[in-house]
Amino acid sequence: MMPTLELKNISHAYEKNKMILSGVNAALMAGTMYALLGPSGSGKTTLLSLLGGLQAPTRGSILFQGGDITACGLEYHRRNHISLIFQNYNLIDYMTPLENVQLSARRNAFPVLERLGLKRDEILRNVLLLSGGQQQRVAIARALASDALVILADEPTGNLDADTAKEVTAILKDCAHVSGKCVVVATHSAEMAKQADVVLEIRNGQLKNVTG
């Protein structure tokens, strides 16, 4: 089976002599949930950014279903292949949760938001009037409502209570197993890692499969 995303000899540096990632190779499959571990500053967010086409690697290539993402263009890749859950939410602050999710959804956004625990009045409220945890749920709902084949999530449960975090983890797992998406989650959560199909870890610029 062809990988959904493939990294080929990826290296990346923000400064000339400071390599964040070095010679990374990986094949990421549809129908699989990946947990991406590593200490702060190890390159987890950088790797998600490269996979999502937010920036190009210093060296190497990233393939989506066998094609180099630079061939179709990074903007096209972001818009059509990737759904991102950002650590800082990236919501449009003058809109409601419903409006934020409807921007990327081709279906009714209400059920997705309700499944993540938002009440009707919260769904129709300006996002700036919501708590951090509620805004995180909106960001997750926006990704879940997208038709993109890949979900990339940066610490998606970081601002959530334990019960909601558990539910979000189950939803992301369903996205992989039921909807057939490739789900990659950068996390510090041991519980999230336990639920993942494959556990990857970045250390000293290298990516290793550490699935127990």
Foldseek 3Di string as FASTA:
>chain_A
DAAQKWWAQFWADPDPPGILAGGETDGFHWLFAEEEEEDPSNCLVVVLCCQLLVDDTPDTFMDGSRHTCPVVNSVCSNLAAEQEQDPQLPFDQAAFLQVRLVVQAPDRLVVLLVLLPDDPVNRRDGPVPDDPQSSLSSSLSSRLRHPHQEYEYEASCVPPDPVSSVSSLVSLSCCRNVVRHGYYYYHPDPVSNVSGPWYWYRDPNYIDTPND
